[in-house]
PDB file of N, CA and C in Angstrom:
ATOM      1  N   PHE A   1      72.427  20.155  81.705  1.00  0.00           N
ATOM      2  CA  PHE A   1      71.852  20.598  82.966  1.00  0.00           C
ATOM      3  C   PHE A   1      72.793  20.308  84.122  1.00  0.00           C
ATOM      4  N   GLN A   2      73.459  19.163  84.067  1.00  0.00           N
ATOM      5  CA  GLN A   2      74.409  18.837  85.134  1.00  0.00           C
ATOM      6  C   GLN A   2      75.512  19.891  85.203  1.00  0.00           C
ATOM      7  N   GLY A   3      76.001  20.311  84.042  1.00  0.00           N
ATOM      8  CA  GLY A   3      77.032  21.339  83.999  1.00  0.00           C
ATOM      9  C   GLY A   3      76.553  22.651  84.583  1.00  0.00           C
ATOM     10  N   ARG A   4      75.304  22.991  84.319  1.00  0.00           N
ATOM     11  CA  ARG A   4      74.736  24.225  84.868  1.00  0.00           C
ATOM     12  C   ARG A   4      74.682  24.165  86.384  1.00  0.00           C
ATOM     13  N   VAL A   5      74.269  23.018  86.925  1.00  0.00           N
ATOM     14  CA  VAL A   5      74.217  22.853  88.383  1.00  0.00           C
ATOM     15  C   VAL A   5      75.611  23.032  88.973  1.00  0.00           C
ATOM     16  N   VAL A   6      76.627  22.429  88.342  1.00  0.00           N
ATOM     17  CA  VAL A   6      78.005  22.563  88.827  1.00  0.00           C
ATOM     18  C   VAL A   6      78.445  24.022  88.788  1.00  0.00           C
ATOM     19  N   ALA A   7      78.208  24.694  87.653  1.00  0.00           N
ATOM     20  CA  ALA A   7      78.620  26.094  87.506  1.00  0.00           C
ATOM     21  C   ALA A   7      77.955  26.986  88.551  1.00  0.00           C
ATOM     22  N   GLU A   8      76.679  26.769  88.799  1.00  0.00           N
ATOM     23  CA  GLU A   8      75.973  27.591  89.784  1.00  0.00           C
ATOM     24  C   GLU A   8      76.476  27.317  91.196  1.00  0.00           C
ATOM     25  N   ASN A   9      76.856  26.076  91.491  1.00  0.00           N
ATOM     26  CA  ASN A   9      77.427  25.775  92.802  1.00  0.00           C
ATOM     27  C   ASN A   9      78.803  26.422  92.955  1.00  0.00           C
ATOM     28  N   ILE A  10      79.572  26.495  91.875  1.00  0.00           N
ATOM     29  CA  ILE A  10      80.884  27.138  91.924  1.00  0.00           C
ATOM     30  C   ILE A  10      80.757  28.615  92.278  1.00  0.00           C
ATOM     31  N   ILE A  11      79.713  29.282  91.781  1.00  0.00           N
ATOM     32  CA  ILE A  11      79.554  30.715  92.069  1.00  0.00           C
ATOM     33  C   ILE A  11      78.761  30.970  93.350  1.00  0.00           C
ATOM     34  N   GLY A  12      78.518  29.914  94.122  1.00  0.00           N
ATOM     35  CA  GLY A  12      77.929  30.108  95.446  1.00  0.00           C
ATOM     36  C   GLY A  12      76.459  29.789  95.593  1.00  0.00           C
ATOM     37  N   LYS A  13      75.782  29.438  94.517  1.00  0.00           N
ATOM     38  CA  LYS A  13      74.386  29.046  94.643  1.00  0.00           C
ATOM     39  C   LYS A  13      74.331  27.608  95.143  1.00  0.00           C
ATOM     40  N   ASN A  14      73.349  27.297  95.917  1.00  0.00           N
ATOM     41  CA  ASN A  14      73.217  25.945  96.455  1.00  0.00           C
ATOM     42  C   ASN A  14      72.206  25.174  95.616  1.00  0.00           C
ATOM     43  N   ARG A  15      72.665  24.645  94.466  1.00  0.00           N
ATOM     44  CA  ARG A  15      71.791  23.894  93.569  1.00  0.00           C
ATOM     45  C   ARG A  15      71.983  22.406  93.789  1.00  0.00           C
ATOM     46  N   ILE A  16      70.910  21.660  93.697  1.00  0.00           N
ATOM     47  CA  ILE A  16      70.960  20.210  93.836  1.00  0.00           C
ATOM     48  C   ILE A  16      70.476  19.596  92.535  1.00  0.00           C
ATOM     49  N   PHE A  17      71.210  18.617  92.052  1.00  0.00           N
ATOM     50  CA  PHE A  17      70.827  17.904  90.841  1.00  0.00           C
ATOM     51  C   PHE A  17      69.875  16.785  91.221  1.00  0.00           C
ATOM     52  N   ASP A  18      68.666  16.809  90.693  1.00  0.00           N
ATOM     53  CA  ASP A  18      67.654  15.798  90.989  1.00  0.00           C
ATOM     54  C   ASP A  18      67.594  14.811  89.830  1.00  0.00           C
ATOM     55  N   SER A  19      68.205  13.655  90.023  1.00  0.00           N
ATOM     56  CA  SER A  19      68.297  12.677  88.945  1.00  0.00           C
ATOM     57  C   SER A  19      67.003  11.920  88.684  1.00  0.00           C
ATOM     58  N   ARG A  20      65.967  12.153  89.492  1.00  0.00           N
ATOM     59  CA  ARG A  20      64.692  11.460  89.260  1.00  0.00           C
ATOM     60  C   ARG A  20      64.054  11.870  87.941  1.00  0.00           C
ATOM     61  N   PHE A  21      64.438  12.992  87.414  1.00  0.00           N
ATOM     62  CA  PHE A  21      63.783  13.485  86.215  1.00  0.00           C
ATOM     63  C   PHE A  21      64.646  13.367  84.963  1.00  0.00           C
ATOM     64  N   ILE A  22      65.566  12.416  84.985  1.00  0.00           N
ATOM     65  CA  ILE A  22      66.311  12.051  83.792  1.00  0.00           C
ATOM     66  C   ILE A  22      65.537  10.907  83.144  1.00  0.00           C
ATOM     67  N   PRO A  23      65.126  11.059  81.901  1.00  0.00           N
ATOM     68  CA  PRO A  23      64.370   9.979  81.254  1.00  0.00           C
ATOM     69  C   PRO A  23      65.190   8.690  81.167  1.00  0.00           C
ATOM     70  N   SER A  24      64.524   7.575  81.347  1.00  0.00           N
ATOM     71  CA  SER A  24      65.146   6.263  81.210  1.00  0.00           C
ATOM     72  C   SER A  24      64.455   5.507  80.089  1.00  0.00           C
ATOM     73  N   CYS A  25      65.218   4.739  79.338  1.00  0.00           N
ATOM     74  CA  CYS A  25      64.666   3.979  78.219  1.00  0.00           C
ATOM     75  C   CYS A  25      65.227   2.569  78.219  1.00  0.00           C
ATOM     76  N   ILE A  26      64.405   1.641  77.804  1.00  0.00           N
ATOM     77  CA  ILE A  26      64.818   0.263  77.576  1.00  0.00           C
ATOM     78  C   ILE A  26      64.478  -0.043  76.131  1.00  0.00           C
ATOM     79  N   PHE A  27      65.522  -0.228  75.317  1.00  0.00           N
ATOM     80  CA  PHE A  27      65.323  -0.492  73.899  1.00  0.00           C
ATOM     81  C   PHE A  27      65.256  -2.001  73.692  1.00  0.00           C
ATOM     82  N   GLY A  28      64.090  -2.483  73.464  1.00  0.00           N
ATOM     83  CA  GLY A  28      63.844  -3.903  73.235  1.00  0.00           C
ATOM     84  C   GLY A  28      62.475  -4.016  72.595  1.00  0.00           C
ATOM     85  N   TYR A  29      61.807  -5.097  72.851  1.00  0.00           N
ATOM     86  CA  TYR A  29      60.445  -5.218  72.361  1.00  0.00           C
ATOM     87  C   TYR A  29      59.582  -5.776  73.470  1.00  0.00           C
ATOM     88  N   PRO A  30      58.665  -5.010  74.009  1.00  0.00           N
ATOM     89  CA  PRO A  30      58.350  -3.633  73.618  1.00  0.00           C
ATOM     90  C   PRO A  30      59.377  -2.649  74.178  1.00  0.00           C
ATOM     91  N   GLU A  31      59.431  -1.463  73.595  1.00  0.00           N
ATOM     92  CA  GLU A  31      60.284  -0.413  74.133  1.00  0.00           C
ATOM     93  C   GLU A  31      59.579   0.209  75.328  1.00  0.00           C
ATOM     94  N   ILE A  32      60.368   0.635  76.308  1.00  0.00           N
ATOM     95  CA  ILE A  32      59.816   1.204  77.539  1.00  0.00           C
ATOM     96  C   ILE A  32      60.575   2.487  77.845  1.00  0.00           C
ATOM     97  N   ALA A  33      59.848   3.525  78.218  1.00  0.00           N
ATOM     98  CA  ALA A  33      60.472   4.779  78.641  1.00  0.00           C
ATOM     99  C   ALA A  33      59.710   5.296  79.857  1.00  0.00           C
ATOM    100  N   PHE A  34      60.447   5.922  80.770  1.00  0.00           N
ATOM    101  CA  PHE A  34      59.780   6.441  81.960  1.00  0.00           C
ATOM    102  C   PHE A  34      60.586   7.576  82.572  1.00  0.00           C
ATOM    103  N   ILE A  35      59.886   8.379  83.357  1.00  0.00           N
ATOM    104  CA  ILE A  35      60.485   9.494  84.063  1.00  0.00           C
ATOM    105  C   ILE A  35      59.640   9.766  85.309  1.00  0.00           C
ATOM    106  N   GLY A  36      60.269  10.213  86.364  1.00  0.00           N
ATOM    107  CA  GLY A  36      59.549  10.566  87.580  1.00  0.00           C
ATOM    108  C   GLY A  36      59.066   9.360  88.369  1.00  0.00           C
ATOM    109  N   LYS A  37      57.953   9.539  89.060  1.00  0.00           N
ATOM    110  CA  LYS A  37      57.423   8.513  89.954  1.00  0.00           C
ATOM    111  C   LYS A  37      56.361   7.666  89.278  1.00  0.00           C
ATOM    112  N   ASN A  38      56.156   6.469  89.832  1.00  0.00           N
ATOM    113  CA  ASN A  38      55.059   5.622  89.362  1.00  0.00           C
ATOM    114  C   ASN A  38      53.913   5.705  90.358  1.00  0.00           C
ATOM    115  N   GLU A  39      52.783   5.089  90.022  1.00  0.00           N
ATOM    116  CA  GLU A  39      51.597   5.179  90.869  1.00  0.00           C
ATOM    117  C   GLU A  39      51.824   4.618  92.268  1.00  0.00           C
ATOM    118  N   GLU A  40      52.559   3.507  92.362  1.00  0.00           N
ATOM    119  CA  GLU A  40      52.816   2.902  93.661  1.00  0.00           C
ATOM    120  C   GLU A  40      53.588   3.852  94.577  1.00  0.00           C
ATOM    121  N   GLU A  41      54.578   4.555  94.016  1.00  0.00           N
ATOM    122  CA  GLU A  41      55.356   5.512  94.811  1.00  0.00           C
ATOM    123  C   GLU A  41      54.490   6.679  95.269  1.00  0.00           C
ATOM    124  N   LEU A  42      53.653   7.197  94.377  1.00  0.00           N
ATOM    125  CA  LEU A  42      52.784   8.317  94.741  1.00  0.00           C
ATOM    126  C   LEU A  42      51.795   7.910  95.826  1.00  0.00           C
ATOM    127  N   LYS A  43      51.218   6.717  95.706  1.00  0.00           N
ATOM    128  CA  LYS A  43      50.289   6.231  96.720  1.00  0.00           C
ATOM    129  C   LYS A  43      50.991   6.072  98.067  1.00  0.00           C
ATOM    130  N   ALA A  44      52.174   5.473  98.066  1.00  0.00           N
ATOM    131  CA  ALA A  44      52.926   5.244  99.303  1.00  0.00           C
ATOM    132  C   ALA A  44      53.278   6.560 100.001  1.00  0.00           C
ATOM    133  N   GLU A  45      53.512   7.609  99.213  1.00  0.00           N
ATOM    134  CA  GLU A  45      53.863   8.913  99.769  1.00  0.00           C
ATOM    135  C   GLU A  45      52.642   9.780 100.048  1.00  0.00           C
ATOM    136  N   GLY A  46      51.453   9.278  99.739  1.00  0.00           N
ATOM    137  CA  GLY A  46      50.223  10.026  99.984  1.00  0.00           C
ATOM    138  C   GLY A  46      50.072  11.246  99.095  1.00  0.00           C
ATOM    139  N   ILE A  47      50.643  11.207  97.912  1.00  0.00           N
ATOM    140  CA  ILE A  47      50.586  12.335  96.985  1.00  0.00           C
ATOM    141  C   ILE A  47      49.355  12.187  96.093  1.00  0.00           C
ATOM    142  N   GLU A  48      48.549  13.224  96.036  1.00  0.00           N
ATOM    143  CA  GLU A  48      47.357  13.228  95.189  1.00  0.00           C
ATOM    144  C   GLU A  48      47.788  13.372  93.727  1.00  0.00           C
ATOM    145  N   TYR A  49      47.154  12.603  92.845  1.00  0.00           N
ATOM    146  CA  TYR A  49      47.509  12.658  91.429  1.00  0.00           C
ATOM    147  C   TYR A  49      46.319  12.266  90.565  1.00  0.00           C
ATOM    148  N   LYS A  50      46.398  12.656  89.303  1.00  0.00           N
ATOM    149  CA  LYS A  50      45.451  12.244  88.271  1.00  0.00           C
ATOM    150  C   LYS A  50      46.223  11.472  87.220  1.00  0.00           C
ATOM    151  N   THR A  51      45.528  10.551  86.565  1.00  0.00           N
ATOM    152  CA  THR A  51      46.149   9.739  85.530  1.00  0.00           C
ATOM    153  C   THR A  51      45.509  10.038  84.182  1.00  0.00           C
ATOM    154  N   GLY A  52      46.349  10.210  83.181  1.00  0.00           N
ATOM    155  CA  GLY A  52      45.886  10.346  81.809  1.00  0.00           C
ATOM    156  C   GLY A  52      46.520   9.251  80.980  1.00  0.00           C
ATOM    157  N   LYS A  53      45.744   8.610  80.123  1.00  0.00           N
ATOM    158  CA  LYS A  53      46.261   7.513  79.299  1.00  0.00           C
ATOM    159  C   LYS A  53      45.871   7.714  77.842  1.00  0.00           C
ATOM    160  N   VAL A  54      46.786   7.340  76.954  1.00  0.00           N
ATOM    161  CA  VAL A  54      46.523   7.360  75.516  1.00  0.00           C
ATOM    162  C   VAL A  54      47.060   6.057  74.943  1.00  0.00           C
ATOM    163  N   ASN A  55      46.235   5.348  74.208  1.00  0.00           N
ATOM    164  CA  ASN A  55      46.677   4.126  73.537  1.00  0.00           C
ATOM    165  C   ASN A  55      47.434   4.485  72.267  1.00  0.00           C
ATOM    166  N   PHE A  56      48.440   3.684  71.922  1.00  0.00           N
ATOM    167  CA  PHE A  56      49.243   3.924  70.728  1.00  0.00           C
ATOM    168  C   PHE A  56      48.398   4.011  69.462  1.00  0.00           C
ATOM    169  N   ILE A  57      47.274   3.318  69.428  1.00  0.00           N
ATOM    170  CA  ILE A  57      46.417   3.305  68.239  1.00  0.00           C
ATOM    171  C   ILE A  57      46.022   4.735  67.838  1.00  0.00           C
ATOM    172  N   ALA A  58      46.059   5.673  68.806  1.00  0.00           N
ATOM    173  CA  ALA A  58      45.678   7.054  68.530  1.00  0.00           C
ATOM    174  C   ALA A  58      46.841   7.891  67.993  1.00  0.00           C
ATOM    175  N   LEU A  59      48.047   7.337  67.954  1.00  0.00           N
ATOM    176  CA  LEU A  59      49.230   8.081  67.534  1.00  0.00           C
ATOM    177  C   LEU A  59      49.540   7.836  66.061  1.00  0.00           C
ATOM    178  N   GLY A  60      49.713   8.902  65.323  1.00  0.00           N
ATOM    179  CA  GLY A  60      49.983   8.797  63.889  1.00  0.00           C
ATOM    180  C   GLY A  60      51.219   7.982  63.569  1.00  0.00           C
ATOM    181  N   LYS A  61      52.303   8.180  64.329  1.00  0.00           N
ATOM    182  CA  LYS A  61      53.534   7.428  64.065  1.00  0.00           C
ATOM    183  C   LYS A  61      53.318   5.937  64.280  1.00  0.00           C
ATOM    184  N   ALA A  62      52.558   5.567  65.305  1.00  0.00           N
ATOM    185  CA  ALA A  62      52.281   4.159  65.568  1.00  0.00           C
ATOM    186  C   ALA A  62      51.475   3.555  64.419  1.00  0.00           C
ATOM    187  N   LYS A  63      50.494   4.293  63.937  1.00  0.00           N
ATOM    188  CA  LYS A  63      49.695   3.804  62.804  1.00  0.00           C
ATOM    189  C   LYS A  63      50.562   3.641  61.557  1.00  0.00           C
ATOM    190  N   ALA A  64      51.415   4.648  61.297  1.00  0.00           N
ATOM    191  CA  ALA A  64      52.248   4.613  60.094  1.00  0.00           C
ATOM    192  C   ALA A  64      53.244   3.456  60.121  1.00  0.00           C
ATOM    193  N   SER A  65      53.745   3.131  61.315  1.00  0.00           N
ATOM    194  CA  SER A  65      54.745   2.065  61.425  1.00  0.00           C
ATOM    195  C   SER A  65      54.110   0.685  61.586  1.00  0.00           C
ATOM    196  N   GLY A  66      52.793   0.662  61.841  1.00  0.00           N
ATOM    197  CA  GLY A  66      52.106  -0.607  62.034  1.00  0.00           C
ATOM    198  C   GLY A  66      52.309  -1.203  63.416  1.00  0.00           C
ATOM    199  N   HIS A  67      52.843  -0.420  64.353  1.00  0.00           N
ATOM    200  CA  HIS A  67      53.041  -0.873  65.732  1.00  0.00           C
ATOM    201  C   HIS A  67      52.089  -0.091  66.646  1.00  0.00           C
ATOM    202  N   THR A  68      50.854  -0.561  66.713  1.00  0.00           N
ATOM    203  CA  THR A  68      49.821   0.188  67.427  1.00  0.00           C
ATOM    204  C   THR A  68      49.528  -0.355  68.825  1.00  0.00           C
ATOM    205  N   GLU A  69      50.263  -1.371  69.259  1.00  0.00           N
ATOM    206  CA  GLU A  69      50.052  -1.886  70.614  1.00  0.00           C
ATOM    207  C   GLU A  69      50.957  -1.129  71.570  1.00  0.00           C
ATOM    208  N   GLY A  70      50.350  -0.489  72.567  1.00  0.00           N
ATOM    209  CA  GLY A  70      51.125   0.233  73.559  1.00  0.00           C
ATOM    210  C   GLY A  70      50.292   1.307  74.216  1.00  0.00           C
ATOM    211  N   ILE A  71      50.891   1.941  75.226  1.00  0.00           N
ATOM    212  CA  ILE A  71      50.174   2.955  75.990  1.00  0.00           C
ATOM    213  C   ILE A  71      51.142   4.024  76.485  1.00  0.00           C
ATOM    214  N   VAL A  72      50.637   5.242  76.601  1.00  0.00           N
ATOM    215  CA  VAL A  72      51.343   6.352  77.226  1.00  0.00           C
ATOM    216  C   VAL A  72      50.520   6.733  78.450  1.00  0.00           C
ATOM    217  N   LYS A  73      51.170   6.809  79.609  1.00  0.00           N
ATOM    218  CA  LYS A  73      50.464   7.174  80.836  1.00  0.00           C
ATOM    219  C   LYS A  73      51.193   8.343  81.504  1.00  0.00           C
ATOM    220  N   ILE A  74      50.438   9.384  81.826  1.00  0.00           N
ATOM    221  CA  ILE A  74      50.983  10.569  82.493  1.00  0.00           C
ATOM    222  C   ILE A  74      50.337  10.667  83.873  1.00  0.00           C
ATOM    223  N   LEU A  75      51.158  10.914  84.893  1.00  0.00           N
ATOM    224  CA  LEU A  75      50.680  11.132  86.256  1.00  0.00           C
ATOM    225  C   LEU A  75      50.959  12.587  86.599  1.00  0.00           C
ATOM    226  N   MET A  76      49.922  13.316  87.017  1.00  0.00           N
ATOM    227  CA  MET A  76      50.120  14.734  87.283  1.00  0.00           C
ATOM    228  C   MET A  76      49.381  15.191  88.524  1.00  0.00           C
ATOM    229  N   CYS A  77      49.850  16.283  89.090  1.00  0.00           N
ATOM    230  CA  CYS A  77      49.202  16.895  90.250  1.00  0.00           C
ATOM    231  C   CYS A  77      47.955  17.615  89.760  1.00  0.00           C
ATOM    232  N   PRO A  78      46.774  17.294  90.326  1.00  0.00           N
ATOM    233  CA  PRO A  78      45.545  17.930  89.852  1.00  0.00           C
ATOM    234  C   PRO A  78      45.478  19.430  90.143  1.00  0.00           C
ATOM    235  N   LYS A  79      46.201  19.897  91.147  1.00  0.00           N
ATOM    236  CA  LYS A  79      46.155  21.316  91.504  1.00  0.00           C
ATOM    237  C   LYS A  79      47.120  22.153  90.667  1.00  0.00           C
ATOM    238  N   THR A  80      48.366  21.710  90.565  1.00  0.00           N
ATOM    239  CA  THR A  80      49.386  22.503  89.874  1.00  0.00           C
ATOM    240  C   THR A  80      49.563  22.121  88.412  1.00  0.00           C
ATOM    241  N   LYS A  81      49.015  20.971  88.002  1.00  0.00           N
ATOM    242  CA  LYS A  81      49.177  20.420  86.643  1.00  0.00           C
ATOM    243  C   LYS A  81      50.627  20.020  86.362  1.00  0.00           C
ATOM    244  N   LYS A  82      51.462  19.912  87.397  1.00  0.00           N
ATOM    245  CA  LYS A  82      52.850  19.489  87.256  1.00  0.00           C
ATOM    246  C   LYS A  82      52.899  17.985  87.001  1.00  0.00           C
ATOM    247  N   ILE A  83      53.723  17.578  86.036  1.00  0.00           N
ATOM    248  CA  ILE A  83      53.870  16.159  85.741  1.00  0.00           C
ATOM    249  C   ILE A  83      54.724  15.516  86.832  1.00  0.00           C
ATOM    250  N   LEU A  84      54.190  14.463  87.431  1.00  0.00           N
ATOM    251  CA  LEU A  84      54.883  13.743  88.492  1.00  0.00           C
ATOM    252  C   LEU A  84      55.577  12.498  87.977  1.00  0.00           C
ATOM    253  N   GLY A  85      55.077  11.976  86.863  1.00  0.00           N
ATOM    254  CA  GLY A  85      55.660  10.782  86.255  1.00  0.00           C
ATOM    255  C   GLY A  85      55.042  10.544  84.894  1.00  0.00           C
ATOM    256  N   ALA A  86      55.786   9.878  84.044  1.00  0.00           N
ATOM    257  CA  ALA A  86      55.278   9.510  82.716  1.00  0.00           C
ATOM    258  C   ALA A  86      55.867   8.173  82.334  1.00  0.00           C
ATOM    259  N   HIS A  87      55.060   7.347  81.676  1.00  0.00           N
ATOM    260  CA  HIS A  87      55.472   5.990  81.314  1.00  0.00           C
ATOM    261  C   HIS A  87      54.960   5.664  79.921  1.00  0.00           C
ATOM    262  N   ILE A  88      55.843   5.112  79.100  1.00  0.00           N
ATOM    263  CA  ILE A  88      55.471   4.714  77.745  1.00  0.00           C
ATOM    264  C   ILE A  88      55.914   3.265  77.543  1.00  0.00           C
ATOM    265  N   ILE A  89      54.993   2.448  77.122  1.00  0.00           N
ATOM    266  CA  ILE A  89      55.303   1.043  76.820  1.00  0.00           C
ATOM    267  C   ILE A  89      54.679   0.723  75.485  1.00  0.00           C
ATOM    268  N   GLY A  90      55.494   0.250  74.543  1.00  0.00           N
ATOM    269  CA  GLY A  90      54.937  -0.122  73.256  1.00  0.00           C
ATOM    270  C   GLY A  90      56.005  -0.305  72.206  1.00  0.00           C
TER     271      GLY A  90
END
């Protein structure tokens, strides 16, 4: 995607690379992954959002591996259904 942004800027389009939506991961125990904004940032900016949560116990891979402690949380705009942030800990 970074290359595409560069190529489009070379041909005269004014594209901006938004690094907020590059997934980040911390490989340890527990593993953590996140993208976008967190609840504190959305609240501070006055952005309306809905939260969806799923516990790892509901995920087949977590059950199969025996690692069922954890959560997936998605933050989204209630009007557009656009994902504003996602967080996984487990």
